[in-house]
PDB file of N, CA and C in Angstrom:
ATOM      1  N   MET A   1       0.983  -1.540   0.209  1.00  0.00           N
ATOM      2  CA  MET A   1      -0.140  -0.272  -0.004  1.00  0.00           C
ATOM      3  C   MET A   1       0.924   1.722   0.044  1.00  0.00           C
ATOM      4  N   LYS A   2       1.918   1.289   1.132  1.00  0.00           N
ATOM      5  CA  LYS A   2       3.248   2.845   0.720  1.00  0.00           C
ATOM      6  C   LYS A   2       3.802   2.443   0.388  1.00  0.00           C
ATOM      7  N   MET A   3       4.107   1.819  -1.010  1.00  0.00           N
ATOM      8  CA  MET A   3       4.911   1.179  -2.227  1.00  0.00           C
ATOM      9  C   MET A   3       4.021   2.166  -3.488  1.00  0.00           C
ATOM     10  N   GLN A   4       2.295   1.378  -3.236  1.00  0.00           N
ATOM     11  CA  GLN A   4       1.406   2.317  -4.491  1.00  0.00           C
ATOM     12  C   GLN A   4       1.304   3.710  -4.267  1.00  0.00           C
ATOM     13  N   ARG A   5       1.001   4.432  -2.913  1.00  0.00           N
ATOM     14  CA  ARG A   5       0.711   5.487  -2.556  1.00  0.00           C
ATOM     15  C   ARG A   5       1.551   6.585  -2.994  1.00  0.00           C
ATOM     16  N   LYS A   6       3.532   5.643  -3.108  1.00  0.00           N
ATOM     17  CA  LYS A   6       4.734   6.118  -3.163  1.00  0.00           C
ATOM     18  C   LYS A   6       4.981   6.595  -4.971  1.00  0.00           C
ATOM     19  N   SER A   7       4.637   5.638  -5.761  1.00  0.00           N
ATOM     20  CA  SER A   7       4.934   5.492  -7.306  1.00  0.00           C
ATOM     21  C   SER A   7       3.866   6.242  -7.808  1.00  0.00           C
ATOM     22  N   ILE A   8       2.452   6.286  -6.694  1.00  0.00           N
ATOM     23  CA  ILE A   8       1.230   7.170  -7.462  1.00  0.00           C
ATOM     24  C   ILE A   8       2.220   8.509  -7.441  1.00  0.00           C
ATOM     25  N   GLY A   9       2.807   9.308  -5.688  1.00  0.00           N
ATOM     26  CA  GLY A   9       3.555  10.265  -6.008  1.00  0.00           C
ATOM     27  C   GLY A   9       4.647  10.315  -6.976  1.00  0.00           C
ATOM     28  N   VAL A  10       5.336   9.838  -7.419  1.00  0.00           N
ATOM     29  CA  VAL A  10       5.926   9.968  -7.787  1.00  0.00           C
ATOM     30  C   VAL A  10       5.957  10.356 -10.069  1.00  0.00           C
ATOM     31  N   VAL A  11       5.339   9.859  -9.817  1.00  0.00           N
ATOM     32  CA  VAL A  11       4.301   9.921 -11.573  1.00  0.00           C
ATOM     33  C   VAL A  11       3.034  10.414 -12.086  1.00  0.00           C
ATOM     34  N   LEU A  12       2.501  11.788 -10.321  1.00  0.00           N
ATOM     35  CA  LEU A  12       2.436  13.213 -10.568  1.00  0.00           C
ATOM     36  C   LEU A  12       3.438  13.786 -10.452  1.00  0.00           C
ATOM     37  N   SER A  13       4.397  13.837  -9.440  1.00  0.00           N
ATOM     38  CA  SER A  13       5.193  14.842  -9.484  1.00  0.00           C
ATOM     39  C   SER A  13       5.864  15.036 -11.066  1.00  0.00           C
ATOM     40  N   CYS A  14       5.965  13.547 -11.749  1.00  0.00           N
ATOM     41  CA  CYS A  14       7.053  13.347 -12.563  1.00  0.00           C
ATOM     42  C   CYS A  14       6.113  14.295 -14.147  1.00  0.00           C
ATOM     43  N   ALA A  15       4.965  14.294 -13.484  1.00  0.00           N
ATOM     44  CA  ALA A  15       4.209  15.133 -14.804  1.00  0.00           C
ATOM     45  C   ALA A  15       3.500  16.444 -14.409  1.00  0.00           C
ATOM     46  N   ALA A  16       3.612  16.606 -13.502  1.00  0.00           N
ATOM     47  CA  ALA A  16       3.621  18.248 -12.927  1.00  0.00           C
ATOM     48  C   ALA A  16       5.043  18.523 -13.468  1.00  0.00           C
ATOM     49  N   LEU A  17       5.944  18.246 -13.474  1.00  0.00           N
ATOM     50  CA  LEU A  17       7.331  18.601 -13.740  1.00  0.00           C
ATOM     51  C   LEU A  17       7.079  18.462 -15.323  1.00  0.00           C
ATOM     52  N   VAL A  18       6.827  17.588 -16.296  1.00  0.00           N
ATOM     53  CA  VAL A  18       6.941  18.143 -17.506  1.00  0.00           C
ATOM     54  C   VAL A  18       5.710  18.801 -17.988  1.00  0.00           C
ATOM     55  N   ALA A  19       4.371  19.235 -17.480  1.00  0.00           N
ATOM     56  CA  ALA A  19       3.591  20.173 -17.899  1.00  0.00           C
ATOM     57  C   ALA A  19       4.194  21.310 -17.467  1.00  0.00           C
ATOM     58  N   GLY A  20       5.087  21.317 -16.132  1.00  0.00           N
ATOM     59  CA  GLY A  20       5.405  22.535 -16.244  1.00  0.00           C
ATOM     60  C   GLY A  20       6.365  22.824 -17.187  1.00  0.00           C
ATOM     61  N   GLY A  21       7.751  22.635 -17.442  1.00  0.00           N
ATOM     62  CA  GLY A  21       8.221  22.715 -18.240  1.00  0.00           C
ATOM     63  C   GLY A  21       7.977  22.736 -19.828  1.00  0.00           C
ATOM     64  N   TYR A  22       6.523  22.062 -20.702  1.00  0.00           N
ATOM     65  CA  TYR A  22       6.133  22.433 -21.547  1.00  0.00           C
ATOM     66  C   TYR A  22       5.879  24.238 -21.392  1.00  0.00           C
ATOM     67  N   LEU A  23       4.722  24.512 -20.898  1.00  0.00           N
ATOM     68  CA  LEU A  23       4.401  25.519 -20.800  1.00  0.00           C
ATOM     69  C   LEU A  23       5.243  26.571 -20.222  1.00  0.00           C
ATOM     70  N   LEU A  24       6.229  26.460 -19.859  1.00  0.00           N
ATOM     71  CA  LEU A  24       7.714  27.668 -19.848  1.00  0.00           C
ATOM     72  C   LEU A  24       7.741  27.493 -21.565  1.00  0.00           C
ATOM     73  N   ASN A  25       8.187  26.044 -21.450  1.00  0.00           N
ATOM     74  CA  ASN A  25       9.002  27.032 -23.397  1.00  0.00           C
ATOM     75  C   ASN A  25       8.042  26.843 -23.739  1.00  0.00           C
ATOM     76  N   HIS A  26       7.234  27.062 -23.365  1.00  0.00           N
ATOM     77  CA  HIS A  26       5.797  27.020 -24.790  1.00  0.00           C
ATOM     78  C   HIS A  26       5.080  29.032 -24.440  1.00  0.00           C
ATOM     79  N   ARG A  27       5.531  29.176 -23.298  1.00  0.00           N
ATOM     80  CA  ARG A  27       5.808  31.168 -23.245  1.00  0.00           C
ATOM     81  C   ARG A  27       6.790  31.317 -23.332  1.00  0.00           C
ATOM     82  N   LYS A  28       7.687  31.104 -23.776  1.00  0.00           N
ATOM     83  CA  LYS A  28       9.101  31.808 -24.320  1.00  0.00           C
ATOM     84  C   LYS A  28       9.172  31.875 -25.617  1.00  0.00           C
ATOM     85  N   THR A  29       8.526  30.833 -26.157  1.00  0.00           N
ATOM     86  CA  THR A  29       8.627  31.194 -27.735  1.00  0.00           C
ATOM     87  C   THR A  29       7.638  31.717 -28.178  1.00  0.00           C
ATOM     88  N   ARG A  30       6.840  32.443 -27.479  1.00  0.00           N
ATOM     89  CA  ARG A  30       5.759  33.365 -27.855  1.00  0.00           C
ATOM     90  C   ARG A  30       6.517  34.322 -28.179  1.00  0.00           C
ATOM     91  N   LYS A  31       6.019  35.128 -29.427  1.00  0.00           N
ATOM     92  CA  LYS A  31       6.287  36.311 -31.082  1.00  0.00           C
ATOM     93  C   LYS A  31       5.954  37.658 -29.633  1.00  0.00           C
ATOM     94  N   HIS A  32       4.231  37.296 -29.487  1.00  0.00           N
ATOM     95  CA  HIS A  32       3.527  38.154 -28.536  1.00  0.00           C
ATOM     96  C   HIS A  32       2.874  38.415 -28.022  1.00  0.00           C
ATOM     97  N   ALA A  33       2.579  39.601 -27.759  1.00  0.00           N
ATOM     98  CA  ALA A  33       1.431  39.105 -26.193  1.00  0.00           C
ATOM     99  C   ALA A  33       0.422  38.677 -26.420  1.00  0.00           C
ATOM    100  N   PRO A  34       0.186  37.583 -25.483  1.00  0.00           N
ATOM    101  CA  PRO A  34      -1.160  36.563 -25.228  1.00  0.00           C
ATOM    102  C   PRO A  34      -2.187  37.514 -25.716  1.00  0.00           C
ATOM    103  N   GLY A  35      -3.658  37.404 -25.849  1.00  0.00           N
ATOM    104  CA  GLY A  35      -4.951  38.752 -26.635  1.00  0.00           C
ATOM    105  C   GLY A  35      -4.369  40.099 -27.495  1.00  0.00           C
ATOM    106  N   SER A  36      -2.985  40.326 -27.822  1.00  0.00           N
ATOM    107  CA  SER A  36      -2.387  40.292 -29.195  1.00  0.00           C
ATOM    108  C   SER A  36      -2.624  40.385 -30.388  1.00  0.00           C
ATOM    109  N   MET A  37      -2.342  40.611 -31.097  1.00  0.00           N
ATOM    110  CA  MET A  37      -2.451  40.426 -32.820  1.00  0.00           C
ATOM    111  C   MET A  37      -1.526  40.546 -32.931  1.00  0.00           C
ATOM    112  N   ARG A  38      -0.772  39.356 -34.071  1.00  0.00           N
ATOM    113  CA  ARG A  38       0.627  39.345 -34.619  1.00  0.00           C
ATOM    114  C   ARG A  38       0.911  41.344 -35.411  1.00  0.00           C
ATOM    115  N   PRO A  39       2.151  41.850 -35.932  1.00  0.00           N
ATOM    116  CA  PRO A  39       1.814  42.936 -36.082  1.00  0.00           C
ATOM    117  C   PRO A  39       1.216  42.559 -38.266  1.00  0.00           C
ATOM    118  N   SER A  40       2.210  41.511 -38.386  1.00  0.00           N
ATOM    119  CA  SER A  40       1.851  41.410 -39.621  1.00  0.00           C
ATOM    120  C   SER A  40      -0.091  41.303 -39.818  1.00  0.00           C
ATOM    121  N   MET A  41      -0.414  41.051 -39.341  1.00  0.00           N
ATOM    122  CA  MET A  41      -2.365  40.117 -38.839  1.00  0.00           C
ATOM    123  C   MET A  41      -2.591  42.008 -38.738  1.00  0.00           C
ATOM    124  N   PHE A  42      -2.265  43.266 -38.009  1.00  0.00           N
ATOM    125  CA  PHE A  42      -2.663  43.707 -37.984  1.00  0.00           C
ATOM    126  C   PHE A  42      -2.181  44.486 -39.420  1.00  0.00           C
ATOM    127  N   GLU A  43      -0.958  44.007 -39.906  1.00  0.00           N
ATOM    128  CA  GLU A  43      -1.206  44.862 -41.065  1.00  0.00           C
ATOM    129  C   GLU A  43      -2.235  45.866 -42.318  1.00  0.00           C
ATOM    130  N   ARG A  44      -2.764  43.820 -42.531  1.00  0.00           N
ATOM    131  CA  ARG A  44      -3.186  42.735 -43.286  1.00  0.00           C
ATOM    132  C   ARG A  44      -4.740  43.867 -43.469  1.00  0.00           C
ATOM    133  N   MET A  45      -5.094  44.088 -41.845  1.00  0.00           N
ATOM    134  CA  MET A  45      -6.679  44.604 -41.114  1.00  0.00           C
ATOM    135  C   MET A  45      -6.453  45.889 -41.643  1.00  0.00           C
ATOM    136  N   MET A  46      -5.502  46.868 -41.235  1.00  0.00           N
ATOM    137  CA  MET A  46      -4.889  48.372 -41.657  1.00  0.00           C
ATOM    138  C   MET A  46      -5.854  48.955 -42.840  1.00  0.00           C
ATOM    139  N   THR A  47      -4.921  47.434 -44.178  1.00  0.00           N
ATOM    140  CA  THR A  47      -4.358  48.285 -45.988  1.00  0.00           C
ATOM    141  C   THR A  47      -6.133  48.108 -46.323  1.00  0.00           C
ATOM    142  N   ALA A  48      -6.561  46.594 -45.196  1.00  0.00           N
ATOM    143  CA  ALA A  48      -8.130  46.399 -46.035  1.00  0.00           C
ATOM    144  C   ALA A  48      -8.928  47.346 -45.316  1.00  0.00           C
ATOM    145  N   MET A  49      -9.164  48.152 -44.529  1.00  0.00           N
ATOM    146  CA  MET A  49     -10.176  49.113 -44.042  1.00  0.00           C
ATOM    147  C   MET A  49     -10.085  50.322 -44.707  1.00  0.00           C
ATOM    148  N   PRO A  50     -10.878  50.743 -45.525  1.00  0.00           N
ATOM    149  CA  PRO A  50     -11.257  52.209 -46.153  1.00  0.00           C
ATOM    150  C   PRO A  50     -11.109  53.429 -45.135  1.00  0.00           C
ATOM    151  N   GLU A  51     -10.661  54.099 -46.150  1.00  0.00           N
ATOM    152  CA  GLU A  51     -10.004  55.222 -45.765  1.00  0.00           C
ATOM    153  C   GLU A  51     -10.527  55.948 -44.134  1.00  0.00           C
ATOM    154  N   ASP A  52     -12.016  56.305 -44.500  1.00  0.00           N
ATOM    155  CA  ASP A  52     -12.389  56.906 -43.093  1.00  0.00           C
ATOM    156  C   ASP A  52     -13.139  56.354 -42.103  1.00  0.00           C
ATOM    157  N   ALA A  53     -12.039  54.850 -42.334  1.00  0.00           N
ATOM    158  CA  ALA A  53     -13.047  54.120 -41.227  1.00  0.00           C
ATOM    159  C   ALA A  53     -11.990  54.228 -39.517  1.00  0.00           C
ATOM    160  N   PRO A  54     -12.445  54.353 -38.823  1.00  0.00           N
ATOM    161  CA  PRO A  54     -11.929  54.852 -37.494  1.00  0.00           C
ATOM    162  C   PRO A  54     -10.817  54.519 -37.034  1.00  0.00           C
ATOM    163  N   PRO A  55     -10.540  53.409 -36.266  1.00  0.00           N
ATOM    164  CA  PRO A  55      -8.544  53.512 -36.378  1.00  0.00           C
ATOM    165  C   PRO A  55      -8.016  53.506 -37.563  1.00  0.00           C
ATOM    166  N   LYS A  56      -7.724  53.676 -38.453  1.00  0.00           N
ATOM    167  CA  LYS A  56      -7.019  54.679 -39.942  1.00  0.00           C
ATOM    168  C   LYS A  56      -7.241  55.684 -39.514  1.00  0.00           C
ATOM    169  N   VAL A  57      -8.466  56.771 -38.939  1.00  0.00           N
ATOM    170  CA  VAL A  57      -8.835  57.993 -38.403  1.00  0.00           C
ATOM    171  C   VAL A  57      -7.506  58.512 -37.940  1.00  0.00           C
ATOM    172  N   ILE A  58      -7.389  57.578 -36.814  1.00  0.00           N
ATOM    173  CA  ILE A  58      -7.035  58.241 -35.168  1.00  0.00           C
ATOM    174  C   ILE A  58      -5.563  57.565 -35.972  1.00  0.00           C
ATOM    175  N   SER A  59      -5.493  56.260 -36.184  1.00  0.00           N
ATOM    176  CA  SER A  59      -3.909  56.627 -36.750  1.00  0.00           C
ATOM    177  C   SER A  59      -2.835  57.416 -37.388  1.00  0.00           C
ATOM    178  N   THR A  60      -4.021  58.769 -38.500  1.00  0.00           N
ATOM    179  CA  THR A  60      -3.220  59.649 -38.900  1.00  0.00           C
ATOM    180  C   THR A  60      -2.797  60.505 -37.819  1.00  0.00           C
ATOM    181  N   VAL A  61      -4.118  60.834 -37.378  1.00  0.00           N
ATOM    182  CA  VAL A  61      -4.081  62.605 -36.413  1.00  0.00           C
ATOM    183  C   VAL A  61      -3.448  61.988 -34.616  1.00  0.00           C
ATOM    184  N   MET A  62      -3.254  60.559 -34.606  1.00  0.00           N
ATOM    185  CA  MET A  62      -2.919  60.286 -33.405  1.00  0.00           C
ATOM    186  C   MET A  62      -1.130  61.558 -33.635  1.00  0.00           C
ATOM    187  N   PRO A  63      -0.393  61.656 -34.847  1.00  0.00           N
ATOM    188  CA  PRO A  63       1.112  61.896 -34.722  1.00  0.00           C
ATOM    189  C   PRO A  63       1.082  63.253 -34.523  1.00  0.00           C
ATOM    190  N   ARG A  64      -0.842  63.870 -34.993  1.00  0.00           N
ATOM    191  CA  ARG A  64      -0.750  65.541 -34.905  1.00  0.00           C
ATOM    192  C   ARG A  64      -0.758  65.857 -33.112  1.00  0.00           C
ATOM    193  N   LEU A  65      -1.605  64.436 -32.840  1.00  0.00           N
ATOM    194  CA  LEU A  65      -2.272  64.654 -31.381  1.00  0.00           C
ATOM    195  C   LEU A  65      -1.170  65.260 -30.794  1.00  0.00           C
ATOM    196  N   GLN A  66      -0.230  64.174 -30.292  1.00  0.00           N
ATOM    197  CA  GLN A  66       1.257  63.978 -29.556  1.00  0.00           C
ATOM    198  C   GLN A  66       1.931  65.563 -29.541  1.00  0.00           C
ATOM    199  N   ALA A  67       1.652  65.586 -30.931  1.00  0.00           N
ATOM    200  CA  ALA A  67       2.875  67.314 -31.084  1.00  0.00           C
ATOM    201  C   ALA A  67       1.803  68.073 -29.865  1.00  0.00           C
ATOM    202  N   GLN A  68       1.399  68.314 -30.525  1.00  0.00           N
ATOM    203  CA  GLN A  68       0.118  69.608 -30.173  1.00  0.00           C
ATOM    204  C   GLN A  68       0.662  69.070 -28.255  1.00  0.00           C
ATOM    205  N   ASN A  69      -0.395  68.059 -28.062  1.00  0.00           N
ATOM    206  CA  ASN A  69      -0.054  67.841 -26.804  1.00  0.00           C
ATOM    207  C   ASN A  69       1.746  67.656 -26.166  1.00  0.00           C
ATOM    208  N   GLU A  70       2.632  68.010 -26.547  1.00  0.00           N
ATOM    209  CA  GLU A  70       4.060  68.111 -26.193  1.00  0.00           C
ATOM    210  C   GLU A  70       4.577  69.945 -26.303  1.00  0.00           C
ATOM    211  N   GLU A  71       3.397  69.836 -26.603  1.00  0.00           N
ATOM    212  CA  GLU A  71       3.492  71.796 -27.037  1.00  0.00           C
ATOM    213  C   GLU A  71       3.240  72.437 -25.768  1.00  0.00           C
ATOM    214  N   ILE A  72       0.973  72.293 -25.464  1.00  0.00           N
ATOM    215  CA  ILE A  72       0.886  72.596 -24.724  1.00  0.00           C
ATOM    216  C   ILE A  72       1.767  72.135 -23.328  1.00  0.00           C
ATOM    217  N   LEU A  73       2.025  71.208 -23.624  1.00  0.00           N
ATOM    218  CA  LEU A  73       2.630  70.568 -22.209  1.00  0.00           C
ATOM    219  C   LEU A  73       4.512  71.645 -21.132  1.00  0.00           C
ATOM    220  N   ALA A  74       4.918  72.094 -22.962  1.00  0.00           N
ATOM    221  CA  ALA A  74       5.834  72.769 -22.641  1.00  0.00           C
ATOM    222  C   ALA A  74       5.250  74.131 -22.475  1.00  0.00           C
ATOM    223  N   LEU A  75       4.258  74.425 -22.850  1.00  0.00           N
ATOM    224  CA  LEU A  75       4.174  76.293 -22.804  1.00  0.00           C
ATOM    225  C   LEU A  75       3.366  76.128 -20.947  1.00  0.00           C
ATOM    226  N   LEU A  76       2.861  74.726 -21.084  1.00  0.00           N
ATOM    227  CA  LEU A  76       2.305  75.087 -19.331  1.00  0.00           C
ATOM    228  C   LEU A  76       3.853  74.890 -18.812  1.00  0.00           C
ATOM    229  N   ARG A  77       4.648  74.494 -18.435  1.00  0.00           N
ATOM    230  CA  ARG A  77       5.398  73.938 -17.958  1.00  0.00           C
ATOM    231  C   ARG A  77       6.126  75.830 -17.520  1.00  0.00           C
ATOM    232  N   GLU A  78       6.647  76.073 -18.470  1.00  0.00           N
ATOM    233  CA  GLU A  78       7.051  77.489 -19.165  1.00  0.00           C
ATOM    234  C   GLU A  78       6.035  78.694 -17.780  1.00  0.00           C
ATOM    235  N   GLN A  79       4.495  78.357 -18.271  1.00  0.00           N
ATOM    236  CA  GLN A  79       3.621  79.220 -17.524  1.00  0.00           C
ATOM    237  C   GLN A  79       4.347  78.707 -16.025  1.00  0.00           C
ATOM    238  N   ASN A  80       4.350  77.314 -15.310  1.00  0.00           N
ATOM    239  CA  ASN A  80       4.820  76.818 -13.603  1.00  0.00           C
ATOM    240  C   ASN A  80       6.015  77.960 -13.236  1.00  0.00           C
ATOM    241  N   GLU A  81       6.835  77.992 -14.686  1.00  0.00           N
ATOM    242  CA  GLU A  81       7.797  78.384 -13.831  1.00  0.00           C
ATOM    243  C   GLU A  81       8.244  80.526 -13.829  1.00  0.00           C
ATOM    244  N   LEU A  82       7.764  80.228 -14.479  1.00  0.00           N
ATOM    245  CA  LEU A  82       7.349  82.062 -14.264  1.00  0.00           C
ATOM    246  C   LEU A  82       6.290  82.656 -13.111  1.00  0.00           C
ATOM    247  N   LEU A  83       5.303  81.400 -12.638  1.00  0.00           N
ATOM    248  CA  LEU A  83       4.366  81.732 -11.392  1.00  0.00           C
ATOM    249  C   LEU A  83       5.272  80.752 -10.702  1.00  0.00           C
ATOM    250  N   ARG A  84       6.002  80.317 -10.444  1.00  0.00           N
ATOM    251  CA  ARG A  84       7.098  80.295  -9.798  1.00  0.00           C
ATOM    252  C   ARG A  84       7.832  81.514  -8.899  1.00  0.00           C
ATOM    253  N   ALA A  85       8.951  82.354  -9.870  1.00  0.00           N
ATOM    254  CA  ALA A  85       9.224  82.880  -9.969  1.00  0.00           C
ATOM    255  C   ALA A  85       8.791  84.481  -9.253  1.00  0.00           C
ATOM    256  N   ALA A  86       7.535  84.688  -9.980  1.00  0.00           N
ATOM    257  CA  ALA A  86       6.836  85.328  -9.905  1.00  0.00           C
ATOM    258  C   ALA A  86       6.544  85.626  -8.231  1.00  0.00           C
ATOM    259  N   LYS A  87       5.978  84.428  -7.742  1.00  0.00           N
ATOM    260  CA  LYS A  87       5.654  84.219  -6.452  1.00  0.00           C
ATOM    261  C   LYS A  87       7.363  84.291  -5.292  1.00  0.00           C
ATOM    262  N   ARG A  88       8.459  84.088  -5.621  1.00  0.00           N
ATOM    263  CA  ARG A  88       9.449  83.652  -5.307  1.00  0.00           C
ATOM    264  C   ARG A  88      10.027  85.486  -5.123  1.00  0.00           C
ATOM    265  N   SER A  89       9.928  86.326  -5.955  1.00  0.00           N
ATOM    266  CA  SER A  89       9.731  87.772  -5.768  1.00  0.00           C
ATOM    267  C   SER A  89       8.794  88.480  -4.583  1.00  0.00           C
ATOM    268  N   LYS A  90       7.291  87.760  -4.632  1.00  0.00           N
ATOM    269  CA  LYS A  90       6.898  88.690  -3.663  1.00  0.00           C
ATOM    270  C   LYS A  90       7.126  88.473  -2.507  1.00  0.00           C
ATOM    271  N   GLN A  91       7.526  87.178  -2.647  1.00  0.00           N
ATOM    272  CA  GLN A  91       7.987  86.595  -0.902  1.00  0.00           C
ATOM    273  C   GLN A  91       9.363  88.199  -0.600  1.00  0.00           C
TER     274      GLN A  91
END
């Protein structure tokens, strides 16, 4: 009885070791994150869309918005520095 339990335990631990190794190896070979599309699939999807499709419109507008945001942030930083300098001069 003890011998049978011991052999079952050895078999289960070996099976867990093999399954863990397989999952670890499978995880390392994945080239993209789970739940995301491969780049080539995304490119094919984008080229198949009409020009006025929302994802295409967003992808063309996004660089301009990012540049505009950077400009706004620079202006806010400058304004913040000026306000701090004015506050220091009053003290």
